[in-house]
Protein backbone atom coordinates (compact mmCIF):
# COMPACT_ATOMS: atom_id res chain seq x y z
CA MET A 1 102.65 69.55 107.06
CA HIS A 2 105.37 71.08 104.36
CA ILE A 3 103.84 74.13 103.05
CA VAL A 4 105.25 75.67 99.85
CA LEU A 5 104.65 79.40 99.09
CA VAL A 6 105.80 81.02 95.31
CA THR A 7 105.53 84.69 95.83
CA HIS A 8 106.72 87.52 93.66
CA HIS A 9 107.08 89.62 97.23
CA TYR A 10 108.64 89.00 100.03
CA LEU A 11 111.02 90.01 103.30
CA PRO A 12 112.78 92.13 103.79
CA GLU A 13 110.77 94.05 101.04
CA VAL A 14 108.08 96.25 102.74
CA GLY A 15 104.36 96.09 101.79
CA ALA A 16 101.32 94.93 102.87
CA PRO A 17 101.79 91.44 101.18
CA GLN A 18 105.14 91.30 102.53
CA ARG A 19 103.48 91.85 105.86
CA ARG A 20 100.78 89.35 105.35
CA TRP A 21 103.24 86.53 104.65
CA ALA A 22 105.82 87.40 107.15
CA ALA A 23 103.19 87.11 109.54
CA LEU A 24 101.54 83.89 108.38
CA SER A 25 104.77 82.10 107.92
CA ALA A 26 106.06 82.81 111.33
CA ARG A 27 102.22 81.42 112.86
CA PHE A 28 102.48 78.23 110.67
CA VAL A 29 105.67 77.74 112.11
CA ALA A 30 105.02 77.97 115.37
CA ALA A 31 102.29 75.84 114.92
CA GLY A 32 104.84 73.07 113.88
CA HIS A 33 104.11 73.14 110.15
CA ARG A 34 107.63 73.77 107.45
CA VAL A 35 107.37 76.64 105.52
CA THR A 36 109.26 77.10 101.99
CA VAL A 37 109.40 80.54 100.09
CA LEU A 38 109.85 80.18 96.36
CA THR A 39 110.59 84.26 95.88
CA PRO A 40 113.02 86.45 94.18
CA PRO A 41 115.48 88.63 95.72
CA PRO A 42 114.44 91.91 96.96
CA HIS A 43 113.73 94.28 94.43
CA TYR A 44 110.64 96.34 95.10
CA PRO A 45 109.54 99.01 94.37
CA GLU A 46 112.43 100.45 92.07
CA GLY A 47 112.90 97.36 90.11
CA ARG A 48 116.61 96.83 90.98
CA ALA A 49 118.30 94.50 93.39
CA GLY A 50 121.29 96.82 94.24
CA ASP A 51 123.48 95.33 96.49
CA LEU A 52 122.52 91.91 98.03
CA THR A 53 124.27 90.20 100.94
CA GLU A 54 124.73 86.46 100.15
CA ASP A 55 121.61 85.07 101.67
CA LEU A 56 119.42 87.28 99.57
CA ARG A 57 121.31 86.41 96.24
CA VAL A 58 119.87 84.14 93.64
CA HIS A 59 120.28 80.40 93.90
CA ALA A 60 120.67 81.70 97.99
CA VAL A 61 118.86 79.35 100.58
CA ALA A 62 118.36 80.96 103.95
CA THR A 63 115.83 80.63 107.18
CA GLY A 64 113.61 83.66 107.43
CA PRO A 65 113.00 85.72 110.60
CA GLY A 66 109.69 83.29 111.24
CA GLY A 67 111.42 80.06 110.92
CA GLU A 68 110.63 79.65 107.20
CA ARG A 69 113.14 78.30 104.54
CA ILE A 70 113.38 80.79 101.56
CA HIS A 71 114.59 79.96 98.09
CA ARG A 72 115.73 82.78 96.15
CA VAL A 73 114.70 82.51 92.43
CA ARG A 74 116.10 84.81 89.48
CA PHE A 75 114.49 87.85 88.27
CA ARG A 76 114.47 90.48 85.72
CA GLU A 77 115.49 94.24 86.60
CA HIS A 78 112.42 96.35 85.51
CA GLY A 79 111.18 99.94 85.11
CA SER A 80 107.97 101.53 86.02
CA ASP A 81 105.93 100.31 82.66
CA LEU A 82 103.65 96.86 82.70
CA ARG A 83 105.79 95.13 79.80
CA SER A 84 109.05 95.33 81.80
CA ARG A 85 107.44 94.35 85.10
CA THR A 86 105.33 91.33 83.55
CA ARG A 87 108.43 89.97 82.27
CA ASP A 88 110.52 90.33 85.42
CA GLN A 89 107.21 88.31 86.86
CA ALA A 90 107.63 85.75 84.50
CA VAL A 91 111.09 84.77 84.61
CA ALA A 92 110.47 84.79 88.54
CA ALA A 93 107.50 82.46 87.94
CA ALA A 94 109.46 80.43 85.40
CA HIS A 95 112.72 80.04 87.83
CA SER A 96 110.21 79.00 90.69
CA VAL A 97 109.04 76.11 88.87
CA ILE A 98 112.53 74.91 87.91
CA VAL A 99 113.66 75.40 91.87
CA GLY A 100 110.75 73.81 93.09
CA TRP A 101 111.10 70.32 90.75
CA ARG A 102 114.81 70.01 91.72
CA ARG A 103 114.60 71.10 95.52
CA LEU A 104 111.19 69.74 96.59
CA ARG A 105 111.44 65.94 95.36
CA GLY A 106 111.97 62.97 97.78
CA PRO A 107 112.27 64.03 101.61
CA ASP A 108 111.54 67.49 101.01
CA GLN A 109 108.84 66.70 98.98
CA PRO A 110 105.52 69.26 100.21
CA ASP A 111 101.98 68.64 101.18
CA VAL A 112 100.65 71.43 99.51
CA VAL A 113 101.45 74.24 97.32
CA VAL A 114 100.16 78.23 97.78
CA ALA A 115 100.44 80.72 95.05
CA THR A 116 99.67 84.12 95.63
CA ALA A 117 98.41 86.87 93.46
CA PRO A 118 99.83 89.71 92.36
CA GLY A 119 101.85 88.74 90.48
CA ILE A 120 99.93 86.93 87.66
CA PRO A 121 102.47 84.75 86.78
CA SER A 122 102.72 83.10 90.45
CA LEU A 123 99.81 81.61 89.97
CA GLY A 124 100.48 79.71 86.91
CA ALA A 125 103.99 78.83 88.24
CA GLY A 126 102.20 77.19 91.18
CA HIS A 127 99.72 75.37 89.22
CA VAL A 128 102.46 74.06 87.37
CA LEU A 129 104.70 73.27 90.19
CA ALA A 130 101.64 72.01 92.15
CA ARG A 131 100.50 69.62 89.80
CA ALA A 132 104.47 68.56 89.02
CA LEU A 133 104.76 67.65 92.16
CA GLY A 134 101.62 65.72 92.76
CA VAL A 135 100.23 68.11 95.51
CA PRO A 136 97.41 70.41 96.16
CA LEU A 137 97.10 73.94 94.99
CA VAL A 138 95.68 77.03 96.63
CA VAL A 139 95.52 80.57 94.73
CA GLU A 140 95.27 82.75 96.90
CA MET A 141 93.99 86.39 95.22
CA ARG A 142 94.78 89.55 97.30
CA ASP A 143 93.18 91.82 95.11
CA ALA A 144 90.19 91.26 92.74
CA TRP A 145 91.81 89.98 89.54
CA PRO A 146 91.31 89.64 86.33
CA ASP A 147 88.35 92.25 87.24
CA LEU A 148 91.22 94.77 87.99
CA ILE A 149 92.86 94.31 84.60
CA ALA A 150 90.29 96.53 82.20
CA PRO A 151 89.43 99.30 84.73
CA SER A 152 93.20 99.82 85.33
CA GLY A 153 93.66 100.35 81.61
CA MET A 154 97.10 98.57 82.47
CA TRP A 155 96.77 97.39 78.90
CA GLY A 156 95.44 100.37 77.43
CA ASP A 157 91.34 100.78 76.77
CA ALA A 158 89.80 97.16 76.96
CA ARG A 159 86.42 98.44 75.37
CA ARG A 160 88.37 99.44 71.51
CA ARG A 161 88.79 96.52 69.46
CA GLY A 162 92.81 94.84 68.89
CA TRP A 163 95.22 93.31 70.49
CA LYS A 164 94.30 95.19 73.82
CA ARG A 165 90.97 94.06 74.27
CA LEU A 166 92.14 90.30 73.03
CA ALA A 167 94.55 89.98 75.82
CA THR A 168 92.54 91.46 78.37
CA ARG A 169 89.50 88.97 77.48
CA LEU A 170 92.13 86.03 77.29
CA ALA A 171 93.97 87.23 80.65
CA HIS A 172 90.46 87.10 82.20
CA ARG A 173 89.52 83.67 80.95
CA GLY A 174 93.13 82.08 81.74
CA VAL A 175 92.60 83.65 85.46
CA THR A 176 89.58 82.90 86.15
CA ALA A 177 90.53 79.14 84.51
CA MET A 178 93.37 79.12 87.08
CA GLN A 179 90.60 79.65 89.80
CA ARG A 180 88.71 76.90 88.86
CA GLN A 181 91.08 74.39 88.80
CA ALA A 182 92.68 75.09 92.12
CA ASP A 183 91.85 73.01 94.95
CA ALA A 184 91.16 76.12 97.15
CA VAL A 185 91.13 79.88 96.54
CA VAL A 186 91.46 82.35 99.03
CA THR A 187 90.40 85.84 99.02
CA THR A 188 90.59 88.87 101.34
CA THR A 189 87.09 90.47 101.55
CA ALA A 190 83.88 88.10 101.49
CA SER A 191 81.97 90.32 98.38
CA PHE A 192 85.33 88.86 96.33
CA ALA A 193 84.44 85.40 97.46
CA ASP A 194 80.80 86.18 96.51
CA VAL A 195 82.10 87.02 92.90
CA LEU A 196 84.00 83.91 92.60
CA LEU A 197 81.29 81.37 93.70
CA ALA A 198 79.07 83.11 91.25
CA ARG A 199 81.51 82.32 88.71
CA ARG A 200 81.59 78.39 89.48
CA VAL A 201 85.05 78.52 91.63
CA THR A 202 83.82 75.47 93.88
CA SER A 203 85.88 76.21 97.06
CA VAL A 204 86.33 79.85 98.23
CA ASP A 205 87.39 81.40 101.91
CA VAL A 206 88.16 84.26 103.20
CA VAL A 207 91.40 85.21 105.21
CA ARG A 208 91.56 88.98 105.80
CA ASN A 209 94.33 91.03 105.54
CA GLY A 210 95.78 91.47 109.11
CA ALA A 211 97.04 94.62 111.42
CA PRO A 212 99.95 94.78 113.97
CA LEU A 213 97.89 94.85 117.49
CA HIS A 214 101.17 95.17 119.42
CA GLU A 215 101.45 98.95 119.99
CA PRO A 216 99.36 100.78 122.58
CA LEU A 217 96.45 102.52 121.54
CA ARG A 218 96.70 106.47 120.77
CA SER A 219 94.74 108.84 122.52
CA ALA A 220 92.50 111.16 120.40
CA PRO A 221 94.54 114.08 118.88
CA VAL A 222 95.41 117.37 120.37
CA PRO A 223 93.86 120.07 118.16
CA GLY A 224 97.03 121.96 116.52
CA PRO A 225 96.52 125.37 114.36
CA ARG A 226 96.25 123.21 111.31
CA PHE A 227 93.98 120.05 110.44
CA ARG A 228 96.58 117.30 109.89
CA ILE A 229 95.79 114.77 107.42
CA LEU A 230 98.13 111.90 106.77
CA TYR A 231 98.31 109.71 103.85
CA LEU A 232 100.73 106.54 104.69
CA GLY A 233 101.08 103.91 101.42
CA THR A 234 101.16 103.17 97.74
CA MET A 235 100.99 106.14 95.63
CA GLY A 236 99.99 104.49 92.56
CA ARG A 237 97.06 104.42 89.83
CA SER A 238 94.66 102.89 92.33
CA GLN A 239 94.50 105.14 94.89
CA GLY A 240 93.62 108.33 93.25
CA LEU A 241 95.57 110.95 95.28
CA THR A 242 94.94 113.56 92.98
CA THR A 243 91.34 113.92 94.83
CA ALA A 244 93.04 114.17 97.68
CA LEU A 245 95.03 116.83 96.20
CA ARG A 246 92.14 118.77 94.90
CA ALA A 247 90.28 118.57 98.36
CA ALA A 248 93.29 119.78 99.99
CA ALA A 249 93.61 122.83 97.89
CA ASP A 250 90.05 123.49 98.09
CA LEU A 251 89.66 123.84 101.91
CA ASP A 252 92.96 126.50 101.60
CA ARG A 253 90.50 128.18 98.97
CA ARG A 254 87.81 127.81 102.12
CA GLY A 255 90.51 129.71 104.59
CA VAL A 256 90.44 126.39 106.25
CA PRO A 257 94.34 125.29 107.57
CA ALA A 258 95.38 122.13 106.90
CA THR A 259 98.23 120.23 106.02
CA LEU A 260 98.00 116.76 103.96
CA ARG A 261 101.10 114.78 104.29
CA LEU A 262 102.01 111.71 102.04
CA VAL A 263 104.14 109.43 103.10
CA GLY A 264 105.40 106.68 100.76
CA SER A 265 105.85 106.20 97.06
CA GLY A 266 105.34 105.06 93.69
CA HIS A 267 104.57 105.32 90.03
CA GLU A 268 102.32 108.02 90.38
CA GLU A 269 104.81 110.72 92.63
CA PRO A 270 105.73 112.68 90.05
CA LEU A 271 102.71 113.44 89.05
CA LEU A 272 101.28 114.42 92.28
CA ARG A 273 104.10 116.69 93.08
CA ALA A 274 103.90 118.19 90.23
CA GLU A 275 99.76 118.28 90.56
CA ALA A 276 99.94 119.91 93.93
CA ARG A 277 102.35 122.49 92.52
CA ALA A 278 99.98 123.31 90.18
CA LEU A 279 96.71 123.52 92.72
CA GLY A 280 98.92 125.20 95.09
CA ALA A 281 97.80 122.55 97.51
CA PRO A 282 99.01 121.82 101.17
CA ALA A 283 100.98 119.32 100.89
CA GLU A 284 104.20 117.81 101.99
CA PHE A 285 105.72 114.54 100.05
CA LEU A 286 108.05 112.81 102.97
CA GLY A 287 108.91 109.84 100.68
CA ARG A 288 109.05 106.35 101.84
CA VAL A 289 110.12 105.75 105.89
CA ALA A 290 111.42 102.95 107.65
CA ARG A 291 108.93 100.92 109.77
CA ALA A 292 109.74 101.95 112.57
CA GLN A 293 108.85 105.93 111.91
CA VAL A 294 105.06 105.08 111.03
CA SER A 295 103.78 105.53 114.75
CA GLU A 296 105.25 109.34 114.74
CA HIS A 297 103.19 109.81 111.51
CA TYR A 298 100.09 108.30 112.95
CA ASP A 299 100.82 110.41 115.91
CA TRP A 300 100.89 113.58 114.10
CA ALA A 301 97.82 112.83 112.06
CA ASP A 302 93.79 113.88 113.00
CA THR A 303 93.07 111.88 110.29
CA VAL A 304 94.05 109.16 108.51
CA LEU A 305 92.87 109.39 104.77
CA VAL A 306 92.61 105.61 103.36
CA SER A 307 91.66 106.05 99.51
CA LEU A 308 90.66 103.98 96.20
CA ARG A 309 89.04 104.73 93.02
CA ALA A 310 85.79 104.63 91.77
CA TRP A 311 86.16 101.43 90.12
CA ASP A 312 83.99 98.63 90.44
CA PRO A 313 86.21 95.99 91.17
CA PHE A 314 87.29 98.18 93.94
CA GLU A 315 84.09 97.86 95.80
CA TRP A 316 85.29 94.10 96.58
CA THR A 317 88.67 95.38 98.20
CA VAL A 318 89.70 96.44 101.55
CA PRO A 319 93.03 98.33 101.87
CA SER A 320 95.28 96.39 103.98
CA LYS A 321 96.21 100.32 105.70
CA LEU A 322 92.28 100.59 106.49
CA TYR A 323 93.13 97.99 109.01
CA GLU A 324 96.07 99.54 110.30
CA ALA A 325 94.92 102.89 110.65
CA MET A 326 91.90 101.29 112.79
CA ALA A 327 94.05 99.54 114.93
CA ALA A 328 95.97 102.79 115.70
CA GLY A 329 93.25 104.47 117.01
CA ARG A 330 93.02 107.27 114.51
CA HIS A 331 89.98 108.34 112.85
CA VAL A 332 89.46 107.35 109.12
CA SER A 333 88.72 109.49 105.85
CA ALA A 334 87.59 106.36 103.95
CA SER A 335 87.31 107.82 100.39
CA LEU A 336 86.17 103.77 99.62
CA ALA A 337 83.08 102.40 98.56
CA GLY A 338 82.06 98.83 98.63
CA GLU A 339 82.52 96.29 101.82
CA ALA A 340 85.60 98.97 102.97
CA ALA A 341 83.35 101.53 103.27
CA TYR A 342 81.23 98.77 105.38
CA VAL A 343 84.13 97.93 107.67
CA VAL A 344 84.48 101.76 108.54
CA ARG A 345 80.94 102.39 109.59
CA GLU A 346 80.16 98.86 110.96
CA ALA A 347 83.78 100.04 113.13
CA GLY A 348 82.42 103.11 113.71
CA ALA A 349 86.05 104.10 112.54
CA GLY A 350 85.57 107.45 110.86
CA ASP A 351 83.67 108.86 107.90
CA VAL A 352 83.35 107.73 104.49
CA VAL A 353 82.61 109.72 101.10
CA ARG A 354 82.26 108.67 97.71
CA PRO A 355 85.42 108.26 96.38
CA GLU A 356 87.06 110.34 93.66
CA SER A 357 84.99 113.31 95.21
CA PRO A 358 87.26 116.35 95.68
CA GLU A 359 83.86 118.15 97.29
CA GLY A 360 83.03 115.45 99.34
CA LEU A 361 86.34 114.81 101.05
CA ALA A 362 87.14 118.95 101.22
CA ASP A 363 83.35 119.43 103.09
CA LEU A 364 84.32 116.33 105.48
CA TRP A 365 87.34 117.92 106.58
CA ALA A 366 86.34 120.90 106.96
CA ALA A 367 83.67 119.90 109.23
CA LEU A 368 86.14 117.36 111.14
CA ALA A 369 88.03 120.79 111.17
CA ALA A 370 85.29 122.76 112.81
CA ASP A 371 84.09 119.72 115.69
CA ARG A 372 87.37 117.70 116.66
CA ARG A 373 85.24 116.08 119.21
CA ARG A 374 84.16 113.67 116.00
CA LEU A 375 87.94 112.84 115.60
CA ASP A 376 88.02 110.76 118.77
CA VAL A 377 86.98 107.16 117.45
CA GLY A 378 88.42 105.70 120.94
CA ASP A 379 89.14 101.83 120.63
CA ARG A 380 86.30 101.05 118.12
CA GLY A 381 88.11 100.92 115.32
CA ARG A 382 90.56 98.79 117.33
CA ARG A 383 88.11 96.12 118.66
CA TRP A 384 86.80 95.34 115.06
CA VAL A 385 90.18 94.64 114.01
CA ALA A 386 91.10 92.35 116.77
CA GLU A 387 87.99 90.40 115.84
CA HIS A 388 88.21 90.21 112.32
CA ALA A 389 91.35 90.88 111.23
CA ASN A 390 93.96 89.33 113.99
CA PHE A 391 97.02 87.64 112.84
CA ASP A 392 96.90 84.93 115.29
CA ARG A 393 93.00 84.05 114.24
CA LEU A 394 93.42 84.36 110.24
CA ALA A 395 96.84 82.41 110.32
CA ALA A 396 94.43 79.67 112.51
CA HIS A 397 91.60 79.89 109.73
CA TYR A 398 94.29 79.98 106.93
CA LEU A 399 95.69 76.30 108.28
CA GLU A 400 92.11 74.81 108.32
CA VAL A 401 91.90 75.51 104.69
CA ILE A 402 95.28 73.90 103.52
CA GLU A 403 94.46 71.11 106.32
CA GLY A 404 90.91 70.84 104.59
CA VAL A 405 92.72 70.15 101.14
CA VAL A 406 95.55 68.43 102.07
CA GLY A 407 93.44 65.88 103.94
């Protein structure tokens, strides 16, 4: 088959969506299929592309590391505000349709278009391109959109009357309509699949996020003078990391020596740094690190924090970082609810506390610091990932979904 992917995020950017599709594309190509990617030049998360090599510039066509063909489309530099990011996504989506229509007809006619969100405009681009080319459309929802629009407050308080409330409702209806019109919808969790089925989305399949399993399993951490907590990932509004800072400050007041290490970046990072100073929290911010350096931070950690806000749609979400921490063999401090909490408990990969509960998180960390034996989770989490979030199995199932709509 010839599979076309419309996405706003792709290699060499670093992030969960980029890792997911790099892994899937390589396996699709290895199985004998052609993969074409329509995506802008790398400009995440700063919103600026900087100096680009010729193969990464707009209009460039290059072969990716997995054998996929990557067509770079236009984008718009943006800041951290929603309006400028939405404009960027809209520009890339519109140009994806133009480039796809010009270059993917005749001998390059695809068999299927896969559009993945976020960004939401990529779904519209995939819909238009698939219909123009006369091929099936697969919509992939990596997060619980459109349900996250209202609780995230990304367009302000959607409960108030006015244009923001209207825009939220229209976006919800528009995304749901595209989900219903797609030939298949792929989600990353079973719980969100159930939500979509209840909304009369007729063909829904679950292809979870995956995690690499090539690194050796880590042994139990060696106790040190301080209890070591690692957060590794995006520092955005969704993660609710103020809760972790308050819990770390609470530990300090209790006389429990601990260090909360935050590795990564995001829109909330400046606010979190200021909050840490105000609280006197024993926290260190290391910024983003190269992928090759991630393993040394897992080696350092006694426990790995995976955190989401207490928003209802996050009960249908499982962060990809959870699978990565489980594959690394580290104890997980899960400030999670819903399906993600179920995964941690079922796998025996760590402990779960209620989201946005500094007291609960501090109580857990104090108990773990007092009894380090609880930190040794063995290979239980890794075995769960190997069975349920192995990229080889995920890619094989995804191809079954695509073959179903093409057939």
